[in-house]
């Protein structure tokens, strides 16, 4: 209880095509002497969003970088109009993505070792690499919409699994502004004015019948208000008069207020077992009200509901 995506089209990123997964051995592309840094366009956190990759820079720009964000490896050639167009599309989308992934452009004519490692059969070929491993691939040109969908799938498949670009701060959702009506009700509770709090919550529910927070809080406040007027000796009195239904109900309220739900639920279930008619209805009704003060999946509630069903039938 608490207070108130066939190689002729884009493949889904969730599956690694067997032809690619079985063919790629990228280890031979590691530890090559690196030339000066490759050219790039724009950057995110100092990392170029679009990079021209060679065999010498493959390890750093693809394998290592893919431990941070997905690297979209674009294998093409200037002699292929489809390659040129796809490279343009990917470049524009990489700028829009602003560091969510990196566009790695590879000229297969100048870097045949890379094309061989990826098992390229036709150009253009695009492979998404994440964590040093191929994740998804496609060949040929793609409409913008389909390309966006494929890239979105890659992002979703790697969400939370990569470290992110160095220096990138985690995004934080703006907290929703607090409802002043709920604040007013909570202030009333803090002041001990349960009647006012009840009125505040009931006004919210009148205006928004499906307001689950207000409904849950109203149940809590009504319970707190009820307990205030119960005799502190209610438990001992109920123990001395087991057939007094009103006493049993009050004692259960007190036990629950003392953070002893097992005792409260057990008392009412025991009463349900030995009574009938209106008395049984009164005990069962109060027990169900107390259940509503807890999450329905709470183990205590689940167990007690099972015991109640047994007592009734």
Foldseek 3Di string as FASTA:
>chain_A
DDPLWPQAIWDFLQAADPVQQVQADCPVLPDAAADPAFDADDAAPPHGQEGEDASNCCCPPAQVVLLAAKEKEWEAAPVDPQSVVQLVLVVVVSVVVRQNYHYYYYHCVRHVVVCNNRVPDDPGKIFIDHNRGTRTIHHTHDPSVRVVVRVVSNSVNCPPPHNHDPPDDDDDDDDDDDDVLQVVLVVCVVVVNLVVSLVSLVVVCVVPVVPVSSVLNNLVSVLVVVLVPADPCLQVVCVVPVQPLVSLLNNLSNCVVVVNNLVSLVSLLVQLLPDDDPSNVVSVVSSVSVLSNDDCPPPSNVVSVVSSVVSND
